[in-house]
Amino acid sequence: MFNLFQIIPKSLMIISNRACYGVLRFIMESGAKGCEVIVSGKLRAQRAKSMKFKDGYMISSGQPVNEYIDSAVRHVLLRQGVLGIKVKIMLDWDPKGKQGPTTPLPDIVTIHPPKEEEHYIRTPTVVVPAEVAAVPIM
């Protein structure tokens, strides 16, 4: 679906919020329903830390994760140490199956229009008890 090497910038020596938000914007404009980028390692200081960038709608549990989430992990070797990049992309539902899974999400509710009903005119029926019916009327 998405090639991770096209998305992540070539120069990761100085990773910044601007670069990660640019990646998020590119992924969302490409037709994804949601995405998450996690960059961890020694970013600016000697102490390692992790930064998360999220946009859109992302599911994280259940069977649809296997169908809807496309994820990749890459390690970048820098002079200071190793930088880890995780990218998770949630694909949109595609009935034809070209850009995403063919099965819809299980929590989607479809409301169908009401059916046309024929209106019947009902004549009331009178039920007469047997004792009253047996008495002759004069």
N, C-alpha and C. Protein backbone atom coordinates (compact mmCIF):
# COMPACT_ATOMS: atom_id res chain seq x y z
N MET A 1 0.83 -1.19 0.00
CA MET A 1 0.00 0.00 0.00
C MET A 1 0.88 1.25 0.00
N PHE A 2 1.47 1.59 1.15
CA PHE A 2 2.32 2.76 1.25
C PHE A 2 3.76 2.29 1.38
N ASN A 3 4.68 2.95 0.70
CA ASN A 3 6.09 2.63 0.82
C ASN A 3 6.69 3.55 1.87
N LEU A 4 7.22 2.95 2.93
CA LEU A 4 7.72 3.73 4.06
C LEU A 4 8.92 4.58 3.67
N PHE A 5 9.75 4.09 2.74
CA PHE A 5 10.93 4.84 2.36
C PHE A 5 10.59 6.09 1.57
N GLN A 6 9.42 6.14 0.93
CA GLN A 6 9.00 7.35 0.23
C GLN A 6 8.48 8.38 1.23
N ILE A 7 7.94 7.93 2.34
CA ILE A 7 7.30 8.83 3.29
C ILE A 7 8.32 9.51 4.20
N ILE A 8 9.27 8.74 4.74
CA ILE A 8 10.20 9.27 5.73
C ILE A 8 11.30 10.07 5.03
N PRO A 9 11.61 11.26 5.51
CA PRO A 9 12.63 12.08 4.86
C PRO A 9 14.01 11.42 4.90
N LYS A 10 14.84 11.77 3.94
CA LYS A 10 16.17 11.17 3.83
C LYS A 10 17.07 11.59 5.00
N SER A 11 17.03 12.84 5.37
CA SER A 11 17.94 13.32 6.42
C SER A 11 17.26 13.22 7.78
N LEU A 12 17.51 12.13 8.48
CA LEU A 12 16.95 11.95 9.81
C LEU A 12 17.96 12.31 10.89
N MET A 13 19.03 13.00 10.51
CA MET A 13 20.01 13.40 11.52
C MET A 13 19.37 14.36 12.51
N ILE A 14 18.57 15.28 12.02
CA ILE A 14 17.89 16.23 12.89
C ILE A 14 16.39 16.01 12.70
N ILE A 15 15.82 15.15 13.53
CA ILE A 15 14.38 14.88 13.43
C ILE A 15 13.66 15.97 14.21
N SER A 16 12.63 16.50 13.64
CA SER A 16 11.90 17.56 14.32
C SER A 16 10.41 17.30 14.23
N ASN A 17 9.68 18.07 14.98
CA ASN A 17 8.22 17.95 14.93
C ASN A 17 7.72 18.28 13.53
N ARG A 18 8.37 19.22 12.89
CA ARG A 18 7.94 19.65 11.55
C ARG A 18 8.03 18.50 10.55
N ALA A 19 9.11 17.70 10.61
CA ALA A 19 9.27 16.58 9.69
C ALA A 19 8.20 15.52 9.94
N CYS A 20 7.93 15.22 11.21
CA CYS A 20 6.93 14.19 11.54
C CYS A 20 5.53 14.64 11.16
N TYR A 21 5.21 15.92 11.40
CA TYR A 21 3.90 16.40 11.00
C TYR A 21 3.77 16.46 9.48
N GLY A 22 4.86 16.67 8.77
CA GLY A 22 4.84 16.61 7.31
C GLY A 22 4.53 15.20 6.82
N VAL A 23 5.11 14.20 7.50
CA VAL A 23 4.82 12.80 7.16
C VAL A 23 3.36 12.49 7.42
N LEU A 24 2.83 12.94 8.57
CA LEU A 24 1.41 12.72 8.89
C LEU A 24 0.51 13.34 7.83
N ARG A 25 0.81 14.55 7.44
CA ARG A 25 -0.02 15.24 6.45
C ARG A 25 0.02 14.51 5.10
N PHE A 26 1.20 14.03 4.70
CA PHE A 26 1.33 13.30 3.44
C PHE A 26 0.52 12.01 3.46
N ILE A 27 0.57 11.29 4.58
CA ILE A 27 -0.17 10.02 4.69
C ILE A 27 -1.67 10.28 4.65
N MET A 28 -2.13 11.29 5.38
CA MET A 28 -3.57 11.57 5.42
C MET A 28 -4.08 12.08 4.07
N GLU A 29 -3.27 12.84 3.33
CA GLU A 29 -3.68 13.30 2.01
C GLU A 29 -3.67 12.18 0.99
N SER A 30 -2.95 11.08 1.27
CA SER A 30 -2.90 9.95 0.36
C SER A 30 -4.11 9.05 0.47
N GLY A 31 -5.02 9.34 1.39
CA GLY A 31 -6.26 8.57 1.48
C GLY A 31 -6.36 7.66 2.68
N ALA A 32 -5.52 7.83 3.68
CA ALA A 32 -5.62 7.01 4.88
C ALA A 32 -6.71 7.55 5.80
N LYS A 33 -7.26 6.65 6.62
CA LYS A 33 -8.28 7.07 7.58
C LYS A 33 -7.65 7.60 8.86
N GLY A 34 -6.45 7.12 9.17
CA GLY A 34 -5.73 7.59 10.35
C GLY A 34 -4.30 7.09 10.31
N CYS A 35 -3.43 7.72 11.09
CA CYS A 35 -2.06 7.24 11.13
C CYS A 35 -1.40 7.65 12.45
N GLU A 36 -0.30 6.96 12.75
CA GLU A 36 0.44 7.20 13.98
C GLU A 36 1.92 6.99 13.67
N VAL A 37 2.75 7.94 14.05
CA VAL A 37 4.20 7.86 13.86
C VAL A 37 4.84 7.95 15.24
N ILE A 38 5.68 6.97 15.57
CA ILE A 38 6.39 6.96 16.85
C ILE A 38 7.89 6.97 16.53
N VAL A 39 8.58 7.98 17.03
CA VAL A 39 10.03 8.09 16.86
C VAL A 39 10.65 7.98 18.24
N SER A 40 11.58 7.04 18.41
CA SER A 40 12.18 6.85 19.73
C SER A 40 13.69 6.69 19.60
N GLY A 41 14.39 7.19 20.58
CA GLY A 41 15.85 7.13 20.60
C GLY A 41 16.41 8.44 21.10
N LYS A 42 17.72 8.64 20.86
CA LYS A 42 18.36 9.88 21.27
C LYS A 42 18.11 10.92 20.20
N LEU A 43 17.09 11.74 20.42
CA LEU A 43 16.70 12.70 19.40
C LEU A 43 17.56 13.95 19.44
N ARG A 44 17.56 14.66 20.56
CA ARG A 44 18.33 15.90 20.64
C ARG A 44 19.34 15.87 21.79
N ALA A 45 19.01 15.17 22.84
CA ALA A 45 19.87 15.15 24.02
C ALA A 45 20.52 13.78 24.17
N GLN A 46 21.26 13.62 25.23
CA GLN A 46 21.92 12.35 25.50
C GLN A 46 20.91 11.31 25.99
N ARG A 47 19.84 11.78 26.59
CA ARG A 47 18.81 10.89 27.12
C ARG A 47 17.83 10.51 26.01
N ALA A 48 17.51 9.23 25.90
CA ALA A 48 16.58 8.76 24.87
C ALA A 48 15.15 9.04 25.30
N LYS A 49 14.33 9.37 24.35
CA LYS A 49 12.91 9.56 24.63
C LYS A 49 12.10 9.18 23.40
N SER A 50 10.80 9.12 23.59
CA SER A 50 9.91 8.70 22.52
C SER A 50 8.91 9.82 22.24
N MET A 51 8.62 10.03 20.96
CA MET A 51 7.66 11.05 20.56
C MET A 51 6.59 10.40 19.70
N LYS A 52 5.32 10.68 20.01
CA LYS A 52 4.19 10.12 19.26
C LYS A 52 3.48 11.23 18.52
N PHE A 53 3.12 10.95 17.28
CA PHE A 53 2.36 11.89 16.46
C PHE A 53 1.18 11.12 15.89
N LYS A 54 -0.03 11.61 16.13
CA LYS A 54 -1.25 10.91 15.70
C LYS A 54 -2.14 11.85 14.91
N ASP A 55 -2.91 11.26 13.99
CA ASP A 55 -3.89 12.02 13.24
C ASP A 55 -4.95 11.05 12.74
N GLY A 56 -6.21 11.47 12.78
CA GLY A 56 -7.30 10.66 12.25
C GLY A 56 -7.80 9.62 13.23
N TYR A 57 -8.41 8.56 12.67
CA TYR A 57 -9.07 7.51 13.42
C TYR A 57 -8.21 6.26 13.38
N MET A 58 -7.94 5.64 14.55
CA MET A 58 -7.09 4.47 14.61
C MET A 58 -7.71 3.45 15.56
N ILE A 59 -7.85 2.20 15.08
CA ILE A 59 -8.32 1.13 15.96
C ILE A 59 -7.09 0.37 16.46
N SER A 60 -7.22 -0.25 17.64
CA SER A 60 -6.05 -0.90 18.20
C SER A 60 -6.31 -2.31 18.72
N SER A 61 -7.52 -2.83 18.56
CA SER A 61 -7.78 -4.18 19.06
C SER A 61 -8.81 -4.87 18.18
N GLY A 62 -8.82 -6.20 18.28
CA GLY A 62 -9.79 -6.99 17.55
C GLY A 62 -9.27 -7.49 16.21
N GLN A 63 -10.10 -8.24 15.53
CA GLN A 63 -9.75 -8.81 14.23
C GLN A 63 -9.55 -7.74 13.15
N PRO A 64 -10.32 -6.65 13.13
CA PRO A 64 -10.11 -5.65 12.07
C PRO A 64 -8.72 -5.03 12.06
N VAL A 65 -7.96 -5.13 13.16
CA VAL A 65 -6.60 -4.60 13.17
C VAL A 65 -5.75 -5.32 12.13
N ASN A 66 -5.96 -6.63 11.99
CA ASN A 66 -5.18 -7.41 11.02
C ASN A 66 -5.48 -6.99 9.59
N GLU A 67 -6.69 -6.51 9.32
CA GLU A 67 -7.07 -6.16 7.96
C GLU A 67 -6.87 -4.68 7.66
N TYR A 68 -7.12 -3.82 8.64
CA TYR A 68 -7.15 -2.38 8.39
C TYR A 68 -5.84 -1.66 8.69
N ILE A 69 -4.99 -2.20 9.57
CA ILE A 69 -3.78 -1.50 9.99
C ILE A 69 -2.58 -2.03 9.20
N ASP A 70 -1.87 -1.10 8.55
CA ASP A 70 -0.63 -1.41 7.85
C ASP A 70 0.49 -0.78 8.67
N SER A 71 1.42 -1.59 9.17
CA SER A 71 2.45 -1.04 10.06
C SER A 71 3.84 -1.43 9.58
N ALA A 72 4.81 -0.60 9.94
CA ALA A 72 6.21 -0.85 9.58
C ALA A 72 7.11 -0.31 10.68
N VAL A 73 8.25 -0.97 10.86
CA VAL A 73 9.25 -0.56 11.84
C VAL A 73 10.59 -0.48 11.12
N ARG A 74 11.28 0.63 11.29
CA ARG A 74 12.60 0.80 10.69
C ARG A 74 13.56 1.32 11.75
N HIS A 75 14.83 0.91 11.65
CA HIS A 75 15.87 1.35 12.56
C HIS A 75 16.88 2.15 11.75
N VAL A 76 17.21 3.32 12.25
CA VAL A 76 18.16 4.19 11.57
C VAL A 76 19.41 4.27 12.44
N LEU A 77 20.56 3.91 11.85
CA LEU A 77 21.81 3.95 12.58
C LEU A 77 22.44 5.33 12.44
N LEU A 78 22.55 6.03 13.56
CA LEU A 78 23.15 7.35 13.57
C LEU A 78 24.47 7.31 14.35
N ARG A 79 25.19 8.40 14.33
CA ARG A 79 26.46 8.48 15.04
C ARG A 79 26.24 8.38 16.55
N GLN A 80 25.16 8.98 17.04
CA GLN A 80 24.87 8.95 18.48
C GLN A 80 24.31 7.61 18.93
N GLY A 81 23.61 6.91 18.06
CA GLY A 81 22.99 5.65 18.43
C GLY A 81 21.91 5.28 17.43
N VAL A 82 21.04 4.38 17.83
CA VAL A 82 19.99 3.87 16.95
C VAL A 82 18.71 4.66 17.18
N LEU A 83 18.06 5.03 16.09
CA LEU A 83 16.79 5.74 16.13
C LEU A 83 15.73 4.79 15.57
N GLY A 84 14.65 4.57 16.31
CA GLY A 84 13.59 3.67 15.86
C GLY A 84 12.38 4.45 15.38
N ILE A 85 11.81 4.01 14.26
CA ILE A 85 10.64 4.68 13.71
C ILE A 85 9.57 3.63 13.47
N LYS A 86 8.40 3.84 14.08
CA LYS A 86 7.24 2.97 13.86
C LYS A 86 6.15 3.79 13.19
N VAL A 87 5.58 3.26 12.14
CA VAL A 87 4.50 3.94 11.43
C VAL A 87 3.33 2.97 11.33
N LYS A 88 2.16 3.40 11.78
CA LYS A 88 0.92 2.62 11.66
C LYS A 88 -0.06 3.44 10.84
N ILE A 89 -0.61 2.83 9.80
CA ILE A 89 -1.56 3.51 8.92
C ILE A 89 -2.85 2.72 8.90
N MET A 90 -3.96 3.40 9.18
CA MET A 90 -5.26 2.75 9.09
C MET A 90 -5.86 3.05 7.72
N LEU A 91 -6.10 1.98 6.98
CA LEU A 91 -6.63 2.11 5.63
C LEU A 91 -8.13 2.33 5.68
N ASP A 92 -8.66 2.93 4.63
CA ASP A 92 -10.09 3.16 4.54
C ASP A 92 -10.75 1.95 3.87
N TRP A 93 -12.03 1.73 4.14
CA TRP A 93 -12.77 0.61 3.56
C TRP A 93 -12.98 0.85 2.08
N ASP A 94 -12.65 -0.16 1.26
CA ASP A 94 -12.80 -0.06 -0.19
C ASP A 94 -13.55 -1.31 -0.66
N PRO A 95 -14.78 -1.17 -1.16
CA PRO A 95 -15.53 -2.36 -1.59
C PRO A 95 -14.86 -3.11 -2.73
N LYS A 96 -14.08 -2.41 -3.56
CA LYS A 96 -13.40 -3.07 -4.69
C LYS A 96 -12.10 -3.72 -4.26
N GLY A 97 -11.53 -3.33 -3.14
CA GLY A 97 -10.32 -3.96 -2.62
C GLY A 97 -9.03 -3.43 -3.21
N LYS A 98 -9.03 -2.28 -3.85
CA LYS A 98 -7.80 -1.75 -4.44
C LYS A 98 -6.98 -0.95 -3.44
N GLN A 99 -7.62 -0.10 -2.65
CA GLN A 99 -6.91 0.76 -1.71
C GLN A 99 -7.03 0.31 -0.26
N GLY A 100 -7.88 -0.65 0.03
CA GLY A 100 -8.07 -1.09 1.41
C GLY A 100 -8.81 -2.41 1.46
N PRO A 101 -9.17 -2.85 2.66
CA PRO A 101 -9.88 -4.13 2.81
C PRO A 101 -11.30 -4.07 2.26
N THR A 102 -11.79 -5.24 1.85
CA THR A 102 -13.13 -5.31 1.26
C THR A 102 -14.22 -5.48 2.31
N THR A 103 -13.86 -5.94 3.51
CA THR A 103 -14.87 -6.12 4.55
C THR A 103 -15.03 -4.82 5.33
N PRO A 104 -16.28 -4.39 5.57
CA PRO A 104 -16.47 -3.15 6.34
C PRO A 104 -16.18 -3.38 7.82
N LEU A 105 -15.95 -2.29 8.53
CA LEU A 105 -15.73 -2.39 9.98
C LEU A 105 -16.99 -2.94 10.65
N PRO A 106 -16.86 -3.77 11.69
CA PRO A 106 -18.04 -4.38 12.30
C PRO A 106 -18.91 -3.40 13.07
N ASP A 107 -18.41 -2.23 13.43
CA ASP A 107 -19.22 -1.29 14.20
C ASP A 107 -19.97 -0.29 13.34
N ILE A 108 -19.89 -0.43 12.03
CA ILE A 108 -20.61 0.49 11.14
C ILE A 108 -22.08 0.08 11.08
N VAL A 109 -22.97 1.02 11.30
CA VAL A 109 -24.41 0.77 11.27
C VAL A 109 -24.96 1.40 10.00
N THR A 110 -25.62 0.57 9.18
CA THR A 110 -26.25 1.10 7.97
C THR A 110 -27.75 1.17 8.21
N ILE A 111 -28.34 2.31 7.93
CA ILE A 111 -29.78 2.51 8.10
C ILE A 111 -30.42 2.49 6.73
N HIS A 112 -31.27 1.50 6.51
CA HIS A 112 -31.95 1.35 5.23
C HIS A 112 -33.22 2.19 5.23
N PRO A 113 -33.65 2.68 4.06
CA PRO A 113 -34.91 3.44 4.02
C PRO A 113 -36.09 2.51 4.29
N PRO A 114 -37.18 3.03 4.88
CA PRO A 114 -38.32 2.16 5.19
C PRO A 114 -39.00 1.67 3.92
N LYS A 115 -39.57 0.48 4.01
CA LYS A 115 -40.27 -0.11 2.87
C LYS A 115 -41.63 0.55 2.71
N GLU A 116 -42.11 0.55 1.48
CA GLU A 116 -43.46 1.05 1.21
C GLU A 116 -44.46 0.01 1.71
N GLU A 117 -45.38 0.43 2.56
CA GLU A 117 -46.38 -0.49 3.10
C GLU A 117 -47.74 -0.17 2.51
N GLU A 118 -48.49 -1.23 2.25
CA GLU A 118 -49.86 -1.05 1.75
C GLU A 118 -50.77 -0.83 2.95
N HIS A 119 -51.64 0.15 2.84
CA HIS A 119 -52.58 0.43 3.93
C HIS A 119 -53.88 -0.32 3.65
N TYR A 120 -54.26 -1.16 4.59
CA TYR A 120 -55.49 -1.94 4.47
C TYR A 120 -56.59 -1.26 5.28
N ILE A 121 -57.78 -1.24 4.72
CA ILE A 121 -58.94 -0.73 5.46
C ILE A 121 -59.60 -1.94 6.10
N ARG A 122 -59.64 -1.89 7.40
CA ARG A 122 -60.15 -3.04 8.15
C ARG A 122 -61.55 -2.73 8.64
N THR A 123 -62.49 -3.61 8.31
CA THR A 123 -63.85 -3.44 8.81
C THR A 123 -63.95 -4.16 10.14
N PRO A 124 -64.51 -3.50 11.14
CA PRO A 124 -64.60 -4.15 12.45
C PRO A 124 -65.61 -5.31 12.41
N THR A 125 -65.25 -6.40 13.00
CA THR A 125 -66.13 -7.56 13.08
C THR A 125 -66.71 -7.62 14.48
N VAL A 126 -67.99 -7.86 14.55
CA VAL A 126 -68.68 -7.92 15.83
C VAL A 126 -68.86 -9.37 16.20
N VAL A 127 -68.41 -9.73 17.38
CA VAL A 127 -68.56 -11.10 17.86
C VAL A 127 -69.72 -11.10 18.84
N VAL A 128 -70.72 -11.92 18.53
CA VAL A 128 -71.92 -12.00 19.37
C VAL A 128 -71.82 -13.26 20.20
N PRO A 129 -72.02 -13.17 21.52
CA PRO A 129 -72.00 -14.38 22.34
C PRO A 129 -73.12 -15.34 21.93
N ALA A 130 -72.95 -16.60 22.19
CA ALA A 130 -73.90 -17.63 21.77
C ALA A 130 -75.24 -17.49 22.47
N GLU A 131 -75.32 -17.04 23.73
CA GLU A 131 -76.58 -16.91 24.45
C GLU A 131 -77.45 -15.83 23.83
N VAL A 132 -76.85 -14.74 23.43
CA VAL A 132 -77.62 -13.65 22.83
C VAL A 132 -78.08 -14.05 21.43
N ALA A 133 -77.27 -14.80 20.72
CA ALA A 133 -77.63 -15.20 19.36
C ALA A 133 -78.76 -16.23 19.36
N ALA A 134 -78.91 -17.01 20.43
CA ALA A 134 -79.94 -18.04 20.47
C ALA A 134 -81.32 -17.47 20.77
N VAL A 135 -81.43 -16.29 21.36
CA VAL A 135 -82.72 -15.69 21.69
C VAL A 135 -83.34 -15.12 20.41
N PRO A 136 -84.57 -15.54 20.08
CA PRO A 136 -85.21 -15.00 18.87
C PRO A 136 -85.68 -13.56 19.09
N ILE A 137 -85.55 -12.78 18.08
CA ILE A 137 -85.96 -11.38 18.14
C ILE A 137 -87.36 -11.27 17.57
N MET A 138 -88.29 -10.60 18.29
CA MET A 138 -89.67 -10.46 17.82
C MET A 138 -90.00 -9.11 17.38
